[in-house]
Amino acid sequence: MSNEIKNTAITAAGYLYQNRQGLKRLCDWLDAPTRYARVKFE
């Protein structure tokens, strides 16, 4: 059994983190619309 972490697992974890951060920011923006002038995602 290998103890190596696959590159695809690292990439998927990064995408999941980015998606969660974006969702958190959108929820924050919906809670207080005047807090941000603009929200941009890449």
C-alpha atoms as a PDB file:
ATOM      1  CA  MET A   1       0.000   0.000   0.000  1.00  0.00           C
ATOM      2  CA  SER A   2       1.410   3.370  -1.047  1.00  0.00           C
ATOM      3  CA  ASN A   3       1.556   6.359   1.300  1.00  0.00           C
ATOM      4  CA  GLU A   4       1.889   8.856  -1.547  1.00  0.00           C
ATOM      5  CA  ILE A   5      -0.793  11.486  -2.059  1.00  0.00           C
ATOM      6  CA  LYS A   6      -2.023  11.623  -5.646  1.00  0.00           C
ATOM      7  CA  ASN A   7      -1.734  14.937  -7.494  1.00  0.00           C
ATOM      8  CA  THR A   8      -5.397  14.729  -8.487  1.00  0.00           C
ATOM      9  CA  ALA A   9      -6.412  14.577  -4.825  1.00  0.00           C
ATOM     10  CA  ILE A  10      -4.455  17.743  -4.089  1.00  0.00           C
ATOM     11  CA  THR A  11      -6.058  19.531  -7.053  1.00  0.00           C
ATOM     12  CA  ALA A  12      -9.561  18.418  -6.061  1.00  0.00           C
ATOM     13  CA  ALA A  13      -8.972  19.600  -2.492  1.00  0.00           C
ATOM     14  CA  GLY A  14      -7.853  22.984  -3.827  1.00  0.00           C
ATOM     15  CA  TYR A  15     -10.967  23.348  -5.963  1.00  0.00           C
ATOM     16  CA  LEU A  16     -13.178  22.364  -3.045  1.00  0.00           C
ATOM     17  CA  TYR A  17     -11.466  24.960  -0.829  1.00  0.00           C
ATOM     18  CA  GLN A  18     -11.879  27.682  -3.477  1.00  0.00           C
ATOM     19  CA  ASN A  19     -15.542  26.834  -3.999  1.00  0.00           C
ATOM     20  CA  ARG A  20     -16.234  26.958  -0.275  1.00  0.00           C
ATOM     21  CA  GLN A  21     -14.476  30.294   0.101  1.00  0.00           C
ATOM     22  CA  GLY A  22     -16.445  31.719  -2.817  1.00  0.00           C
ATOM     23  CA  LEU A  23     -19.713  30.453  -1.390  1.00  0.00           C
ATOM     24  CA  LYS A  24     -18.823  31.935   1.992  1.00  0.00           C
ATOM     25  CA  ARG A  25     -18.106  35.303   0.365  1.00  0.00           C
ATOM     26  CA  LEU A  26     -21.392  35.232  -1.562  1.00  0.00           C
ATOM     27  CA  CYS A  27     -23.351  34.399   1.586  1.00  0.00           C
ATOM     28  CA  ASP A  28     -21.581  37.220   3.403  1.00  0.00           C
ATOM     29  CA  TRP A  29     -22.432  39.582   0.541  1.00  0.00           C
ATOM     30  CA  LEU A  30     -26.100  38.530   0.567  1.00  0.00           C
ATOM     31  CA  ASP A  31     -26.219  39.082   4.315  1.00  0.00           C
ATOM     32  CA  ALA A  32     -24.792  42.611   4.006  1.00  0.00           C
ATOM     33  CA  PRO A  33     -24.987  43.876   0.385  1.00  0.00           C
ATOM     34  CA  THR A  34     -23.267  47.176   1.165  1.00  0.00           C
ATOM     35  CA  ARG A  35     -20.169  45.434   2.533  1.00  0.00           C
ATOM     36  CA  TYR A  36     -18.698  44.877  -0.939  1.00  0.00           C
ATOM     37  CA  ALA A  37     -18.930  47.027  -4.038  1.00  0.00           C
ATOM     38  CA  ARG A  38     -18.196  44.050  -6.294  1.00  0.00           C
ATOM     39  CA  VAL A  39     -17.590  40.307  -6.118  1.00  0.00           C
ATOM     40  CA  LYS A  40     -15.555  38.553  -8.830  1.00  0.00           C
ATOM     41  CA  PHE A  41     -14.783  34.869  -9.348  1.00  0.00           C
ATOM     42  CA  GLU A  42     -12.255  33.317 -11.681  1.00  0.00           C
END
